């Protein structure tokens, strides 16, 4: 069994309030959960108004399946978000 952790950093240039940041975060989280059936949460950027980090997690028996699923998840997030995805990383760990 494998667990995949995809971390996505998004720049919220020009953002000056928490309400706008939450709108972006909640929209991305809802769309990602609905389409890919993954767990997703904001990770470590709660105090920043100009950056957003989302952590996406999924489990599977197949490492290849996880890699494909997370790649598609990242592509969807890049396509849907009007903001710039500045960094992403994928870790797949055996459990």
C-alpha atoms as a PDB file:
ATOM      1  CA  UNK A   1       0.000   0.000   0.000  1.00  0.00           C
ATOM      2  CA  UNK A   2       1.194   3.526  -0.800  1.00  0.00           C
ATOM      3  CA  UNK A   3       0.345   7.029   0.346  1.00  0.00           C
ATOM      4  CA  UNK A   4       0.818  10.068  -1.895  1.00  0.00           C
ATOM      5  CA  UNK A   5       1.308  13.615  -0.629  1.00  0.00           C
ATOM      6  CA  UNK A   6       1.043  16.423  -3.160  1.00  0.00           C
ATOM      7  CA  UNK A   7       1.936  19.896  -1.893  1.00  0.00           C
ATOM      8  CA  UNK A   8       0.896  22.861  -4.050  1.00  0.00           C
ATOM      9  CA  UNK A   9       2.017  26.458  -3.401  1.00  0.00           C
ATOM     10  CA  UNK A  10      -0.108  29.213  -4.901  1.00  0.00           C
ATOM     11  CA  UNK A  11       0.767  32.928  -5.026  1.00  0.00           C
ATOM     12  CA  UNK A  12      -2.122  35.257  -4.285  1.00  0.00           C
ATOM     13  CA  UNK A  13      -0.616  38.436  -5.706  1.00  0.00           C
ATOM     14  CA  UNK A  14      -2.510  41.578  -4.794  1.00  0.00           C
ATOM     15  CA  UNK A  15      -4.642  39.844  -2.172  1.00  0.00           C
ATOM     16  CA  UNK A  16      -5.252  42.042   0.861  1.00  0.00           C
ATOM     17  CA  UNK A  17      -7.945  40.253   2.855  1.00  0.00           C
ATOM     18  CA  UNK A  18      -8.618  36.892   4.410  1.00  0.00           C
ATOM     19  CA  UNK A  19     -12.059  36.547   2.840  1.00  0.00           C
ATOM     20  CA  UNK A  20     -10.626  36.504  -0.697  1.00  0.00           C
ATOM     21  CA  UNK A  21      -7.982  33.957   0.298  1.00  0.00           C
ATOM     22  CA  UNK A  22     -10.625  31.678   1.847  1.00  0.00           C
ATOM     23  CA  UNK A  23     -12.761  31.939  -1.292  1.00  0.00           C
ATOM     24  CA  UNK A  24      -9.845  30.714  -3.445  1.00  0.00           C
ATOM     25  CA  UNK A  25      -8.874  27.971  -0.974  1.00  0.00           C
ATOM     26  CA  UNK A  26     -12.395  26.657  -0.473  1.00  0.00           C
ATOM     27  CA  UNK A  27     -13.124  26.642  -4.198  1.00  0.00           C
ATOM     28  CA  UNK A  28      -9.966  24.660  -5.003  1.00  0.00           C
ATOM     29  CA  UNK A  29     -10.508  22.251  -2.114  1.00  0.00           C
ATOM     30  CA  UNK A  30     -14.125  21.579  -3.057  1.00  0.00           C
ATOM     31  CA  UNK A  31     -13.379  20.978  -6.753  1.00  0.00           C
ATOM     32  CA  UNK A  32     -10.386  18.749  -5.998  1.00  0.00           C
ATOM     33  CA  UNK A  33     -12.281  16.640  -3.443  1.00  0.00           C
ATOM     34  CA  UNK A  34     -15.262  16.201  -5.749  1.00  0.00           C
ATOM     35  CA  UNK A  35     -13.284  15.201  -8.813  1.00  0.00           C
ATOM     36  CA  UNK A  36     -10.506  13.031  -7.340  1.00  0.00           C
ATOM     37  CA  UNK A  37     -11.874  11.754  -4.010  1.00  0.00           C
ATOM     38  CA  UNK A  38      -8.814  12.885  -2.032  1.00  0.00           C
ATOM     39  CA  UNK A  39      -8.206  14.526   1.326  1.00  0.00           C
ATOM     40  CA  UNK A  40      -7.083  18.159   0.986  1.00  0.00           C
ATOM     41  CA  UNK A  41      -6.284  20.888   3.506  1.00  0.00           C
ATOM     42  CA  UNK A  42      -4.432  24.169   3.856  1.00  0.00           C
ATOM     43  CA  UNK A  43      -0.956  23.552   5.205  1.00  0.00           C
ATOM     44  CA  UNK A  44       1.069  26.135   7.102  1.00  0.00           C
ATOM     45  CA  UNK A  45       0.080  29.374   5.365  1.00  0.00           C
ATOM     46  CA  UNK A  46      -2.819  30.350   7.594  1.00  0.00           C
ATOM     47  CA  UNK A  47      -1.162  33.644   8.622  1.00  0.00           C
ATOM     48  CA  UNK A  48      -0.239  34.815   5.121  1.00  0.00           C
ATOM     49  CA  UNK A  49      -2.620  36.725   2.877  1.00  0.00           C
ATOM     50  CA  UNK A  50      -0.461  36.397  -0.249  1.00  0.00           C
ATOM     51  CA  UNK A  51       0.373  32.695  -0.270  1.00  0.00           C
ATOM     52  CA  UNK A  52      -1.614  29.493  -0.059  1.00  0.00           C
ATOM     53  CA  UNK A  53      -0.262  25.968   0.395  1.00  0.00           C
ATOM     54  CA  UNK A  54      -2.565  23.027  -0.114  1.00  0.00           C
ATOM     55  CA  UNK A  55      -1.711  19.445   0.849  1.00  0.00           C
ATOM     56  CA  UNK A  56      -3.484  16.670  -1.065  1.00  0.00           C
ATOM     57  CA  UNK A  57      -3.359  13.074   0.226  1.00  0.00           C
ATOM     58  CA  UNK A  58      -4.513   9.767  -1.245  1.00  0.00           C
ATOM     59  CA  UNK A  59      -3.989   6.028  -0.647  1.00  0.00           C
ATOM     60  CA  UNK A  60      -3.759   3.175  -3.139  1.00  0.00           C
ATOM     61  CA  UNK A  61      -2.294  -0.264  -3.706  1.00  0.00           C
ATOM     62  CA  UNK A  62      -0.662   0.974  -6.908  1.00  0.00           C
ATOM     63  CA  UNK A  63       2.138   3.519  -6.947  1.00  0.00           C
ATOM     64  CA  UNK A  64       1.572   4.160 -10.654  1.00  0.00           C
ATOM     65  CA  UNK A  65      -2.127   4.849 -10.057  1.00  0.00           C
ATOM     66  CA  UNK A  66      -1.264   7.362  -7.322  1.00  0.00           C
ATOM     67  CA  UNK A  67       1.307   9.129  -9.486  1.00  0.00           C
ATOM     68  CA  UNK A  68      -1.184   9.458 -12.356  1.00  0.00           C
ATOM     69  CA  UNK A  69      -3.973  10.622 -10.041  1.00  0.00           C
ATOM     70  CA  UNK A  70      -1.797  13.284  -8.387  1.00  0.00           C
ATOM     71  CA  UNK A  71      -0.459  14.513 -11.743  1.00  0.00           C
ATOM     72  CA  UNK A  72      -4.031  14.948 -12.991  1.00  0.00           C
ATOM     73  CA  UNK A  73      -4.967  16.648  -9.735  1.00  0.00           C
ATOM     74  CA  UNK A  74      -2.141  19.180 -10.134  1.00  0.00           C
ATOM     75  CA  UNK A  75      -3.063  19.849 -13.768  1.00  0.00           C
ATOM     76  CA  UNK A  76      -6.680  20.464 -12.794  1.00  0.00           C
ATOM     77  CA  UNK A  77      -5.664  22.848  -9.998  1.00  0.00           C
ATOM     78  CA  UNK A  78      -3.408  24.785 -12.374  1.00  0.00           C
ATOM     79  CA  UNK A  79      -6.200  25.030 -14.950  1.00  0.00           C
ATOM     80  CA  UNK A  80      -8.944  26.041 -12.511  1.00  0.00           C
ATOM     81  CA  UNK A  81      -6.999  28.505 -10.356  1.00  0.00           C
ATOM     82  CA  UNK A  82      -6.754  32.028 -11.692  1.00  0.00           C
ATOM     83  CA  UNK A  83      -3.801  32.512  -9.365  1.00  0.00           C
ATOM     84  CA  UNK A  84      -0.282  31.306 -10.179  1.00  0.00           C
ATOM     85  CA  UNK A  85       0.898  27.904  -8.962  1.00  0.00           C
ATOM     86  CA  UNK A  86       4.493  28.676  -7.993  1.00  0.00           C
ATOM     87  CA  UNK A  87       5.652  25.295  -6.700  1.00  0.00           C
ATOM     88  CA  UNK A  88       4.535  21.727  -6.239  1.00  0.00           C
ATOM     89  CA  UNK A  89       6.046  18.543  -4.897  1.00  0.00           C
ATOM     90  CA  UNK A  90       4.907  14.943  -4.865  1.00  0.00           C
ATOM     91  CA  UNK A  91       5.983  12.302  -2.354  1.00  0.00           C
ATOM     92  CA  UNK A  92       4.893   8.681  -2.572  1.00  0.00           C
ATOM     93  CA  UNK A  93       5.660   6.572   0.471  1.00  0.00           C
ATOM     94  CA  UNK A  94       5.092   2.865   1.129  1.00  0.00           C
ATOM     95  CA  UNK A  95       3.074   2.075   4.252  1.00  0.00           C
END
